[in-house]
Amino acid sequence: MTSESLDSQLLRETFAHFPSGVAAMAAEVDGSAHALVASSFTVGVSLEPALVMFAVQKRSGTWPILRNAPRVGVSILGQDQGPLCRQLANRDKNARFAGVDVHQLDSGALLLPNASLWFECSIYDEHPAGDHDVVLLEIHALHVDKETSPLVFHDSTFRQLVA
């Protein structure tokens, strides 16, 4: 079976069945806050240098702006941040940060409150991958909030980890 013969709806449903965390990549660029969310975020790509990665759609209108930021904040959303995730994914870019109190680093990277993990990153490399680009980010600083469990995205629904 070739990828051309795969049913695209079935492929989407299959990918959705794989549970993942949700990352928000955010930075201030030219005086404005910009963010995109991705469930394709992956840690542990490399320990030396410290690298993480995510995939972004080639048709993204936000990534061409964020890629120009010297540093990007990555917030792994906490278990109660499903509504915030939806807000940050809003097509109306002006509504994405409405009422959101972000922490801005000196580098311009933006971090979201109540996230389970934070990374301050710079772009290490980008690679084309079909209808997406794979973006490698180098970690410059990080923080773990062990009291906050991550938000989980599974079967197109936000879920929480159960102990």
Foldseek 3Di string as FASTA:
>chain_A
DDPVPDDVVVVVQVVQQDKFWKKKKWFQFPNDIAIAMFRQKAADPDVVQGKIKGKAFPPDPRVVRSLPQQKIKMFRAFLPCPVLNVLNHDPPRVRNCVVFDWDADPSGYTYGPLGQKMFIWHWDDWADDVRIIMTMTGTDDMDGDPVTFGWMRHSNDTDTDDD
